[in-house]
Structure formats: structure tokens, C-alpha cells
């Protein structure tokens, strides 16, 4: 597996977190798809032995961190919001999400990858929009997060 910087080489000059997250997501999911036998075995092993979950490579964490590095360095988003975005992305940028769509929803692998890239970029845009609303004094968009509306 290449280092995150190498995986994100196509967007090395971009500071756009949405574009960078899209490339990181597609890269990871294609990597998972190409090695799905071993990835499924590793997931199965950690499901029955949760204490061994730390032995999983966790490739997504490095890719997500690298994809969001320009955003983190820009101080355009606070640490708590950045951490929440990273947690949200780990749910979407994952082998488990890919297998959920292909196995349980019957999606073709290419459509599943496209769907997850869409979800990851939508999540990233929403996090950026929430920051913009907070900075403008408008607060979070109640339609995007109805559970936080008063």
C-alpha cells in the first residue's frame, strides 16, 4: 500500500477538502475491492476476537488525515469539528461500508464506490457548511441537522 501522500498524488496541489476526500475514498475502496478476500478474512477475525481489532492496518485513518491536512492547517475548522468530520468519514471510507452496499444492498462494486464517494464528499461539504454558518452567526442549518434544532 502506498503512503497517503502517494495515494493522494492526483490532488497534491489541491487544498479543497472535498476533492481530496473524494480521491482518498475512491483510492481506499478500490484497494479494498482488489484485496477483498484478505480484507473480509481480517474483518471476520476481528469480529470474533475484538481484542485483535488493533492489529488491523487502519489504512483509512492515514488517508483521511492526509486528505484533511490542508483543512486542519488552515484553521478554517475548529479541532472539535475536524475530529467529528474524521469520525464520520471513518464510517463511510471503509471496507465495511463497501461490503454493506455490495453484499446487503446488492449494488455493483462500481456503483457502491460511487455512492460512498458521494456520501463522503457530502459529509465533508456539510461539515464545512456548518462551520460557515457558525462563523456567520446563523448557527447550524436546522434542515441538515434536525436533531439539533431547538
Foldseek 3Di string as FASTA:
>chain_A
DDALCVQQVVCNVPLDLLVLLLSLLLSLLVVCVVVVVVVVVLVVVCVVVVVCPVVDPPRSLRNNCVSNVSVVVVPLADPVLSVVLSVVLDVLSDPVQQCCCCPVVVDDSVVSSVVSSVVNSVSVVQSSVQSVCVVVVNHHDCVVPVVPDD
